[in-house]
C-alpha atoms as a PDB file:
ATOM      1  CA  UNK A   1       6.921  10.934  -0.253  1.00  0.00           C
ATOM      2  CA  UNK A   2       3.708   8.546  -2.686  1.00  0.00           C
ATOM      3  CA  UNK A   3       0.963  10.331  -4.054  1.00  0.00           C
ATOM      4  CA  UNK A   4      -2.131   9.171  -4.288  1.00  0.00           C
ATOM      5  CA  UNK A   5      -2.349   6.016  -2.242  1.00  0.00           C
ATOM      6  CA  UNK A   6      -2.787   4.822   0.983  1.00  0.00           C
ATOM      7  CA  UNK A   7      -0.825   1.670   2.052  1.00  0.00           C
ATOM      8  CA  UNK A   8      -2.864  -0.493   4.282  1.00  0.00           C
ATOM      9  CA  UNK A   9      -0.504  -2.850   6.558  1.00  0.00           C
ATOM     10  CA  UNK A  10      -1.472  -6.159   7.292  1.00  0.00           C
ATOM     11  CA  UNK A  11      -0.602  -8.498  10.069  1.00  0.00           C
ATOM     12  CA  UNK A  12       0.363 -11.571   8.729  1.00  0.00           C
ATOM     13  CA  UNK A  13      -2.012 -13.884  10.507  1.00  0.00           C
ATOM     14  CA  UNK A  14      -4.892 -10.697   9.249  1.00  0.00           C
ATOM     15  CA  UNK A  15      -5.885 -10.470  13.129  1.00  0.00           C
ATOM     16  CA  UNK A  16      -5.317  -6.519  12.499  1.00  0.00           C
ATOM     17  CA  UNK A  17      -4.873  -4.045   9.798  1.00  0.00           C
ATOM     18  CA  UNK A  18      -4.161  -0.058   9.768  1.00  0.00           C
ATOM     19  CA  UNK A  19      -3.697   2.648   7.294  1.00  0.00           C
ATOM     20  CA  UNK A  20      -0.082   3.441   6.682  1.00  0.00           C
ATOM     21  CA  UNK A  21       0.515   7.895   6.622  1.00  0.00           C
ATOM     22  CA  UNK A  22      -2.733   9.259   6.553  1.00  0.00           C
ATOM     23  CA  UNK A  23      -1.574  12.487   6.838  1.00  0.00           C
ATOM     24  CA  UNK A  24       0.627  12.428   4.028  1.00  0.00           C
ATOM     25  CA  UNK A  25      -2.801  11.647   2.340  1.00  0.00           C
ATOM     26  CA  UNK A  26      -4.840  14.584   3.875  1.00  0.00           C
ATOM     27  CA  UNK A  27      -1.469  17.069   2.961  1.00  0.00           C
ATOM     28  CA  UNK A  28      -1.923  15.723  -0.481  1.00  0.00           C
ATOM     29  CA  UNK A  29      -5.438  16.969  -0.835  1.00  0.00           C
ATOM     30  CA  UNK A  30      -4.033  20.236   1.657  1.00  0.00           C
ATOM     31  CA  UNK A  31      -1.335  21.083  -0.703  1.00  0.00           C
ATOM     32  CA  UNK A  32      -3.875  20.193  -4.132  1.00  0.00           C
ATOM     33  CA  UNK A  33      -1.329  17.106  -4.982  1.00  0.00           C
ATOM     34  CA  UNK A  34      -5.030  15.427  -4.937  1.00  0.00           C
ATOM     35  CA  UNK A  35      -8.463  16.516  -5.562  1.00  0.00           C
ATOM     36  CA  UNK A  36     -11.558  15.818  -3.364  1.00  0.00           C
ATOM     37  CA  UNK A  37     -13.029  13.308  -5.831  1.00  0.00           C
ATOM     38  CA  UNK A  38      -9.746  12.106  -6.206  1.00  0.00           C
ATOM     39  CA  UNK A  39      -9.346  11.397  -2.501  1.00  0.00           C
ATOM     40  CA  UNK A  40     -12.130   9.877  -2.196  1.00  0.00           C
ATOM     41  CA  UNK A  41     -11.757   7.486  -4.886  1.00  0.00           C
ATOM     42  CA  UNK A  42      -8.846   6.318  -3.405  1.00  0.00           C
ATOM     43  CA  UNK A  43     -10.702   6.174   0.317  1.00  0.00           C
ATOM     44  CA  UNK A  44     -13.070   3.834  -1.644  1.00  0.00           C
ATOM     45  CA  UNK A  45     -10.952   1.646  -2.862  1.00  0.00           C
ATOM     46  CA  UNK A  46      -9.411   1.078   0.536  1.00  0.00           C
ATOM     47  CA  UNK A  47     -12.727   0.809   2.412  1.00  0.00           C
ATOM     48  CA  UNK A  48     -13.330  -2.225  -0.232  1.00  0.00           C
ATOM     49  CA  UNK A  49      -9.780  -3.605   0.365  1.00  0.00           C
ATOM     50  CA  UNK A  50     -10.333  -3.747   3.942  1.00  0.00           C
ATOM     51  CA  UNK A  51     -13.885  -5.651   3.321  1.00  0.00           C
ATOM     52  CA  UNK A  52     -11.643  -8.237   1.039  1.00  0.00           C
ATOM     53  CA  UNK A  53      -9.143  -8.779   4.214  1.00  0.00           C
ATOM     54  CA  UNK A  54     -11.329  -8.828   7.255  1.00  0.00           C
ATOM     55  CA  UNK A  55     -13.461 -11.574   4.913  1.00  0.00           C
ATOM     56  CA  UNK A  56     -10.443 -12.973   4.329  1.00  0.00           C
ATOM     57  CA  UNK A  57     -11.099 -13.012   0.699  1.00  0.00           C
ATOM     58  CA  UNK A  58      -8.494 -13.408  -2.338  1.00  0.00           C
ATOM     59  CA  UNK A  59      -5.494 -12.752  -2.395  1.00  0.00           C
ATOM     60  CA  UNK A  60      -5.912 -12.504   0.947  1.00  0.00           C
ATOM     61  CA  UNK A  61      -6.431 -16.459   1.048  1.00  0.00           C
ATOM     62  CA  UNK A  62      -4.407 -17.774  -0.846  1.00  0.00           C
ATOM     63  CA  UNK A  63      -0.985 -18.658   1.421  1.00  0.00           C
ATOM     64  CA  UNK A  64       1.121 -15.412   0.184  1.00  0.00           C
ATOM     65  CA  UNK A  65       1.825 -14.900   3.823  1.00  0.00           C
ATOM     66  CA  UNK A  66       4.558 -17.892   3.291  1.00  0.00           C
ATOM     67  CA  UNK A  67       5.630 -16.875   0.002  1.00  0.00           C
ATOM     68  CA  UNK A  68       9.431 -16.355   0.279  1.00  0.00           C
ATOM     69  CA  UNK A  69      11.535 -15.593  -2.921  1.00  0.00           C
ATOM     70  CA  UNK A  70      14.227 -18.010  -4.464  1.00  0.00           C
ATOM     71  CA  UNK A  71      17.653 -17.454  -2.710  1.00  0.00           C
ATOM     72  CA  UNK A  72      19.224 -17.308  -6.638  1.00  0.00           C
ATOM     73  CA  UNK A  73      17.271 -14.239  -7.097  1.00  0.00           C
ATOM     74  CA  UNK A  74      20.328 -12.512  -5.511  1.00  0.00           C
ATOM     75  CA  UNK A  75      19.466  -8.770  -3.774  1.00  0.00           C
ATOM     76  CA  UNK A  76      18.857  -5.897  -6.406  1.00  0.00           C
ATOM     77  CA  UNK A  77      21.832  -3.242  -6.608  1.00  0.00           C
ATOM     78  CA  UNK A  78      19.920   0.393  -7.210  1.00  0.00           C
ATOM     79  CA  UNK A  79      21.900   2.737  -9.594  1.00  0.00           C
ATOM     80  CA  UNK A  80      24.786   4.548  -8.641  1.00  0.00           C
ATOM     81  CA  UNK A  81      22.390   8.423  -9.007  1.00  0.00           C
ATOM     82  CA  UNK A  82      19.222   6.327  -7.710  1.00  0.00           C
ATOM     83  CA  UNK A  83      18.462   9.735  -5.772  1.00  0.00           C
ATOM     84  CA  UNK A  84      18.205  11.853  -8.706  1.00  0.00           C
ATOM     85  CA  UNK A  85      15.597   9.431 -10.959  1.00  0.00           C
ATOM     86  CA  UNK A  86      12.203  10.388 -10.512  1.00  0.00           C
END
């Protein structure tokens, strides 16, 4: 679970976007993991990003939708005890 952020999922062609897991974000405020001021600052930043998406401003106009990782990089492996790491 994440705390203190709102994830914005954007279509590759920038035709749509949505905020992911708003219920988790609200819960974080309700249980005191985030203050109201922190939540407001995060929402303000999300609105700034959404404006950049809608206006097709960087980095949403730089061709990142065509980026692919170099196949020579391989697939990273998780450590055996990755679930116990925080």
